[in-house]
């Protein structure tokens, strides 16, 4: 988990009105081949926890920002800030299908630093199919594919990766004001080497091989503009060097469609580490994030 504040919210399918995730994050930005100077909470699912407002235009512009801090950082008085952002666009192909492109970027503002740290992250090409399987009006299966190009500084100079492919599957059941979903995020990396380039201390960390997250959500529409969502997931990361990491994900999100084109969400997320030499426990300060996300579609 990170010790600083991070940024923005991710729209999965523009037509998804409730909080069906498509995002854990890896580590949202890191999964896209980027990194921040001030480490950000993984929030893997949270990068798509809330959907941007639906757009009726054939072409739409997407803007996203996510800001987060760990509970430990607040307790320590750490004022470092890191943001995770993207600018993108989508084109409606009809029949529930869309294509799009996103450019991710990060901005870190470390505490007591003389200057901020801006890093260009990956470019993502997207294809989405909303309700491509729909047995009835209340049940639907949607998907999204993303191809992350190795355009980020991290991909070019740290991981030396060739890019990665990510897929989301969302099975959503509507029950009046309730909506429940079973979801799967899977990402596969094409790497040239087992380890990253040495960091400032000369340490070489392993490169990722795959990242898989099954997760489920239950959402309740308090009003037409206000929705509360409870989610649970399990993050599984495999590395080329043969190692693996297992992290849980338990989060509560309150999303508000402030305007027709703007959604705001706040999330409290706990990511207990199953690899740590201590009992698994929810809401440890160093494994808990407080996240603010903004998503706009124009």
Protein backbone atom coordinates (compact mmCIF):
# COMPACT_ATOMS: atom_id res chain seq x y z
CA UNK A 1 0.00 0.00 0.00
CA UNK A 2 1.15 3.50 -0.64
CA UNK A 3 1.74 6.26 1.83
CA UNK A 4 0.39 9.20 -0.12
CA UNK A 5 -2.54 10.76 -1.87
CA UNK A 6 -3.54 9.50 -5.38
CA UNK A 7 -5.89 10.44 -8.17
CA UNK A 8 -8.98 9.92 -10.34
CA UNK A 9 -11.79 7.63 -11.37
CA UNK A 10 -12.17 5.27 -14.26
CA UNK A 11 -15.15 4.82 -16.54
CA UNK A 12 -15.56 1.27 -17.69
CA UNK A 13 -18.57 1.15 -19.89
CA UNK A 14 -20.11 4.51 -20.55
CA UNK A 15 -23.60 3.08 -20.35
CA UNK A 16 -23.04 1.45 -16.96
CA UNK A 17 -24.92 3.67 -14.56
CA UNK A 18 -24.13 1.94 -11.30
CA UNK A 19 -20.88 1.04 -9.63
CA UNK A 20 -19.97 -2.04 -11.60
CA UNK A 21 -16.19 -2.22 -11.54
CA UNK A 22 -13.98 -2.67 -14.42
CA UNK A 23 -10.43 -0.78 -12.49
CA UNK A 24 -9.00 -2.69 -9.54
CA UNK A 25 -5.82 -0.41 -10.47
CA UNK A 26 -3.30 -2.55 -10.10
CA UNK A 27 -2.73 -0.86 -9.15
CA UNK A 28 -4.46 1.23 -11.44
CA UNK A 29 -1.61 3.14 -12.92
CA UNK A 30 1.04 0.54 -12.38
CA UNK A 31 -1.07 -1.98 -14.19
CA UNK A 32 -0.94 0.32 -17.14
CA UNK A 33 2.83 0.34 -17.02
CA UNK A 34 3.34 3.53 -15.05
CA UNK A 35 4.66 4.48 -11.65
CA UNK A 36 4.51 7.42 -9.29
CA UNK A 37 7.25 8.91 -7.17
CA UNK A 38 5.04 8.78 -4.11
CA UNK A 39 3.74 5.24 -4.01
CA UNK A 40 -0.01 4.99 -4.46
CA UNK A 41 -2.40 2.54 -2.89
CA UNK A 42 -2.98 -0.40 -5.20
CA UNK A 43 -6.70 0.21 -5.47
CA UNK A 44 -6.65 -2.24 -8.26
CA UNK A 45 -10.36 -2.52 -8.58
CA UNK A 46 -10.95 1.06 -7.70
CA UNK A 47 -9.82 2.39 -11.04
CA UNK A 48 -13.16 1.39 -12.41
CA UNK A 49 -15.27 1.37 -9.38
CA UNK A 50 -17.69 3.94 -10.62
CA UNK A 51 -18.74 4.51 -14.17
CA UNK A 52 -18.76 7.88 -15.84
CA UNK A 53 -22.17 9.25 -16.75
CA UNK A 54 -23.63 7.74 -19.89
CA UNK A 55 -23.19 9.78 -23.04
CA UNK A 56 -25.69 9.86 -25.88
CA UNK A 57 -23.26 11.28 -28.43
CA UNK A 58 -21.51 9.14 -31.02
CA UNK A 59 -18.20 10.64 -29.90
CA UNK A 60 -17.42 11.41 -26.26
CA UNK A 61 -14.47 12.93 -24.39
CA UNK A 62 -13.45 11.29 -21.09
CA UNK A 63 -11.62 12.97 -18.22
CA UNK A 64 -10.60 11.11 -15.06
CA UNK A 65 -8.84 11.95 -11.80
CA UNK A 66 -8.18 9.84 -8.72
CA UNK A 67 -6.78 11.12 -5.43
CA UNK A 68 -6.04 8.80 -2.52
CA UNK A 69 -4.12 8.55 0.71
CA UNK A 70 -3.39 5.68 3.04
CA UNK A 71 -4.70 5.81 6.59
CA UNK A 72 -1.11 5.38 7.79
CA UNK A 73 -0.07 8.52 5.91
CA UNK A 74 -2.78 10.51 7.66
CA UNK A 75 -1.68 9.18 11.04
CA UNK A 76 1.94 10.07 10.23
CA UNK A 77 1.04 13.56 9.04
CA UNK A 78 2.43 12.83 5.58
CA UNK A 79 1.18 15.48 3.15
CA UNK A 80 2.64 13.91 0.00
CA UNK A 81 0.23 13.85 -2.91
CA UNK A 82 0.18 11.72 -6.05
CA UNK A 83 -2.43 11.81 -8.76
CA UNK A 84 -3.49 9.29 -11.37
CA UNK A 85 -5.26 10.69 -14.41
CA UNK A 86 -6.31 10.08 -17.98
CA UNK A 87 -7.73 11.88 -20.97
CA UNK A 88 -9.55 9.77 -23.52
CA UNK A 89 -12.27 9.47 -26.08
CA UNK A 90 -14.82 6.90 -27.20
CA UNK A 91 -16.82 6.27 -30.36
CA UNK A 92 -20.18 4.52 -30.24
CA UNK A 93 -20.37 1.79 -32.89
CA UNK A 94 -23.99 0.93 -32.12
CA UNK A 95 -25.37 -2.32 -30.80
CA UNK A 96 -23.82 -1.69 -27.38
CA UNK A 97 -20.27 -1.61 -28.78
CA UNK A 98 -17.70 1.16 -28.39
CA UNK A 99 -14.05 1.73 -29.15
CA UNK A 100 -11.82 4.21 -27.39
CA UNK A 101 -8.37 5.45 -26.51
CA UNK A 102 -6.92 6.74 -23.26
CA UNK A 103 -3.69 8.49 -22.34
CA UNK A 104 -2.73 8.01 -18.69
CA UNK A 105 -0.43 10.32 -16.73
CA UNK A 106 0.68 10.73 -13.12
CA UNK A 107 1.66 13.70 -11.01
CA UNK A 108 3.42 13.23 -7.67
CA UNK A 109 3.96 16.03 -5.16
CA UNK A 110 6.23 14.60 -2.45
CA UNK A 111 6.35 16.24 0.95
CA UNK A 112 9.11 18.86 1.28
CA UNK A 113 10.17 18.29 -2.33
CA UNK A 114 11.52 21.22 -4.33
CA UNK A 115 9.52 20.25 -7.42
CA UNK A 116 6.68 18.01 -8.54
CA UNK A 117 7.18 14.80 -10.48
CA UNK A 118 5.17 14.42 -13.70
CA UNK A 119 5.28 11.11 -15.54
CA UNK A 120 3.56 10.12 -18.75
CA UNK A 121 1.97 6.69 -18.36
CA UNK A 122 0.68 4.17 -20.90
CA UNK A 123 -1.64 4.66 -23.84
CA UNK A 124 -4.59 2.24 -23.85
CA UNK A 125 -6.70 1.12 -26.82
CA UNK A 126 -10.17 -0.11 -25.79
CA UNK A 127 -13.09 -2.14 -27.14
CA UNK A 128 -16.29 -2.47 -25.11
CA UNK A 129 -19.45 -4.53 -25.54
CA UNK A 130 -22.30 -3.73 -23.18
CA UNK A 131 -24.85 -6.50 -22.48
CA UNK A 132 -23.60 -8.65 -25.38
CA UNK A 133 -25.35 -11.53 -23.61
CA UNK A 134 -28.71 -10.50 -22.16
CA UNK A 135 -31.12 -13.32 -21.19
CA UNK A 136 -33.63 -10.78 -19.83
CA UNK A 137 -34.05 -7.09 -19.08
CA UNK A 138 -32.43 -7.40 -15.65
CA UNK A 139 -29.46 -9.67 -16.38
CA UNK A 140 -26.56 -8.90 -18.69
CA UNK A 141 -22.96 -9.83 -19.44
CA UNK A 142 -20.60 -7.04 -20.56
CA UNK A 143 -16.91 -6.98 -21.41
CA UNK A 144 -14.02 -4.65 -22.13
CA UNK A 145 -10.61 -5.33 -23.71
CA UNK A 146 -7.66 -2.98 -23.33
CA UNK A 147 -4.29 -3.05 -25.04
CA UNK A 148 -1.69 -1.05 -23.12
CA UNK A 149 1.08 0.21 -25.39
CA UNK A 150 4.62 0.45 -23.95
CA UNK A 151 4.67 4.25 -24.15
CA UNK A 152 5.13 5.02 -20.44
CA UNK A 153 8.43 5.96 -18.85
CA UNK A 154 8.18 2.89 -16.63
CA UNK A 155 7.65 0.54 -19.59
CA UNK A 156 10.53 2.03 -21.57
CA UNK A 157 13.14 2.52 -18.82
CA UNK A 158 12.17 0.33 -15.82
CA UNK A 159 10.27 -2.82 -16.80
CA UNK A 160 11.34 -2.87 -20.48
CA UNK A 161 7.98 -4.48 -21.29
CA UNK A 162 6.38 -4.83 -24.72
CA UNK A 163 2.90 -3.95 -23.46
CA UNK A 164 0.01 -5.80 -21.85
CA UNK A 165 -3.55 -6.94 -22.50
CA UNK A 166 -6.39 -6.54 -19.99
CA UNK A 167 -9.93 -7.92 -20.03
CA UNK A 168 -12.96 -7.26 -17.84
CA UNK A 169 -16.07 -9.41 -17.60
CA UNK A 170 -19.15 -8.08 -15.77
CA UNK A 171 -22.19 -10.20 -15.03
CA UNK A 172 -24.81 -7.81 -13.65
CA UNK A 173 -28.20 -8.63 -12.12
CA UNK A 174 -30.63 -5.78 -11.39
CA UNK A 175 -33.11 -6.22 -8.55
CA UNK A 176 -35.15 -3.04 -8.28
CA UNK A 177 -32.97 -0.47 -6.53
CA UNK A 178 -30.31 -3.14 -5.96
CA UNK A 179 -27.68 -4.32 -8.43
CA UNK A 180 -25.33 -7.24 -7.82
CA UNK A 181 -22.44 -8.27 -10.04
CA UNK A 182 -19.81 -10.96 -10.39
CA UNK A 183 -16.72 -9.67 -12.22
CA UNK A 184 -13.32 -10.80 -13.42
CA UNK A 185 -10.29 -8.69 -14.29
CA UNK A 186 -7.35 -10.40 -15.99
CA UNK A 187 -4.16 -8.80 -17.31
CA UNK A 188 -1.22 -10.41 -19.10
CA UNK A 189 2.17 -8.78 -19.61
CA UNK A 190 4.71 -9.24 -22.38
CA UNK A 191 8.15 -8.72 -20.83
CA UNK A 192 11.68 -8.82 -22.21
CA UNK A 193 13.31 -9.57 -18.85
CA UNK A 194 12.48 -11.16 -15.50
CA UNK A 195 13.49 -8.16 -13.40
CA UNK A 196 13.12 -4.40 -13.61
CA UNK A 197 16.13 -2.17 -14.05
CA UNK A 198 17.93 -1.39 -10.74
CA UNK A 199 16.32 1.35 -8.65
CA UNK A 200 18.18 4.14 -6.84
CA UNK A 201 19.37 1.63 -4.22
CA UNK A 202 20.50 -0.89 -6.81
CA UNK A 203 17.62 -3.29 -6.10
CA UNK A 204 16.01 -5.15 -9.03
CA UNK A 205 12.34 -5.96 -8.42
CA UNK A 206 10.58 -8.73 -10.40
CA UNK A 207 8.46 -7.95 -13.45
CA UNK A 208 4.82 -8.96 -13.54
CA UNK A 209 3.61 -11.84 -15.67
CA UNK A 210 -0.12 -11.78 -14.88
CA UNK A 211 -2.63 -10.01 -12.69
CA UNK A 212 -6.04 -11.62 -12.01
CA UNK A 213 -8.81 -10.29 -9.79
CA UNK A 214 -12.21 -11.96 -9.29
CA UNK A 215 -14.51 -9.59 -7.43
CA UNK A 216 -18.17 -9.08 -6.59
CA UNK A 217 -20.23 -5.99 -5.85
CA UNK A 218 -23.62 -5.11 -4.40
CA UNK A 219 -24.96 -1.63 -5.12
CA UNK A 220 -28.03 0.20 -3.84
CA UNK A 221 -29.51 3.31 -5.47
CA UNK A 222 -30.37 5.66 -2.62
CA UNK A 223 -31.72 8.14 -5.18
CA UNK A 224 -31.40 8.83 -8.89
CA UNK A 225 -28.02 10.47 -8.31
CA UNK A 226 -26.67 8.70 -5.20
CA UNK A 227 -25.44 5.07 -5.04
CA UNK A 228 -23.64 3.10 -2.34
CA UNK A 229 -21.60 0.01 -3.30
CA UNK A 230 -19.94 -2.72 -1.28
CA UNK A 231 -17.28 -4.78 -3.03
CA UNK A 232 -15.03 -7.71 -2.24
CA UNK A 233 -12.19 -9.12 -4.34
CA UNK A 234 -8.99 -11.16 -4.34
CA UNK A 235 -5.91 -9.88 -6.22
CA UNK A 236 -3.48 -12.46 -7.57
CA UNK A 237 -0.21 -11.27 -9.11
CA UNK A 238 2.35 -13.62 -10.67
CA UNK A 239 5.90 -12.56 -11.52
CA UNK A 240 8.28 -13.84 -14.18
CA UNK A 241 10.83 -14.80 -11.54
CA UNK A 242 8.38 -17.33 -10.13
CA UNK A 243 7.10 -15.32 -7.17
CA UNK A 244 3.46 -14.46 -6.48
CA UNK A 245 1.47 -12.04 -4.34
CA UNK A 246 -2.01 -12.43 -2.88
CA UNK A 247 -3.94 -9.41 -1.63
CA UNK A 248 -7.57 -9.14 -0.57
CA UNK A 249 -9.82 -6.23 -1.46
CA UNK A 250 -12.76 -4.96 0.62
CA UNK A 251 -14.19 -1.56 -0.25
CA UNK A 252 -17.20 0.69 0.26
CA UNK A 253 -17.97 3.38 -2.32
CA UNK A 254 -20.46 6.24 -2.26
CA UNK A 255 -20.95 7.71 -5.74
CA UNK A 256 -22.84 10.86 -6.65
CA UNK A 257 -23.81 11.94 -10.14
CA UNK A 258 -23.29 15.61 -9.43
CA UNK A 259 -24.09 16.69 -12.98
CA UNK A 260 -25.28 14.93 -16.11
CA UNK A 261 -21.66 14.66 -17.28
CA UNK A 262 -19.89 14.31 -13.93
CA UNK A 263 -19.71 11.57 -11.29
CA UNK A 264 -17.94 11.95 -7.93
CA UNK A 265 -17.10 8.98 -5.68
CA UNK A 266 -15.49 8.44 -2.30
CA UNK A 267 -14.12 5.02 -1.33
CA UNK A 268 -12.77 3.43 1.83
CA UNK A 269 -10.68 0.44 0.75
CA UNK A 270 -8.89 -2.24 2.77
CA UNK A 271 -6.35 -4.50 1.03
CA UNK A 272 -5.12 -7.14 3.53
CA UNK A 273 -1.87 -8.78 2.47
CA UNK A 274 -2.10 -12.57 2.48
CA UNK A 275 1.68 -12.87 2.01
CA UNK A 276 2.63 -10.92 5.12
CA UNK A 277 4.00 -12.66 8.22
CA UNK A 278 1.04 -11.55 10.33
CA UNK A 279 -2.65 -12.41 10.65
CA UNK A 280 -4.93 -11.18 7.87
CA UNK A 281 -6.97 -8.27 9.17
CA UNK A 282 -9.22 -5.61 7.64
CA UNK A 283 -8.51 -1.90 8.01
CA UNK A 284 -4.90 -1.99 9.14
CA UNK A 285 -3.70 1.63 8.72
CA UNK A 286 -0.93 0.66 6.27
CA UNK A 287 -3.35 -1.43 4.16
CA UNK A 288 -6.28 1.01 4.10
CA UNK A 289 -6.85 3.75 1.52
CA UNK A 290 -9.17 6.74 1.37
CA UNK A 291 -9.92 7.53 -2.25
CA UNK A 292 -11.64 10.38 -4.11
CA UNK A 293 -12.51 9.82 -7.78
CA UNK A 294 -13.92 12.13 -10.44
CA UNK A 295 -15.15 11.00 -13.85
CA UNK A 296 -16.48 13.24 -16.59
CA UNK A 297 -17.79 12.42 -20.04
CA UNK A 298 -18.46 15.29 -22.43
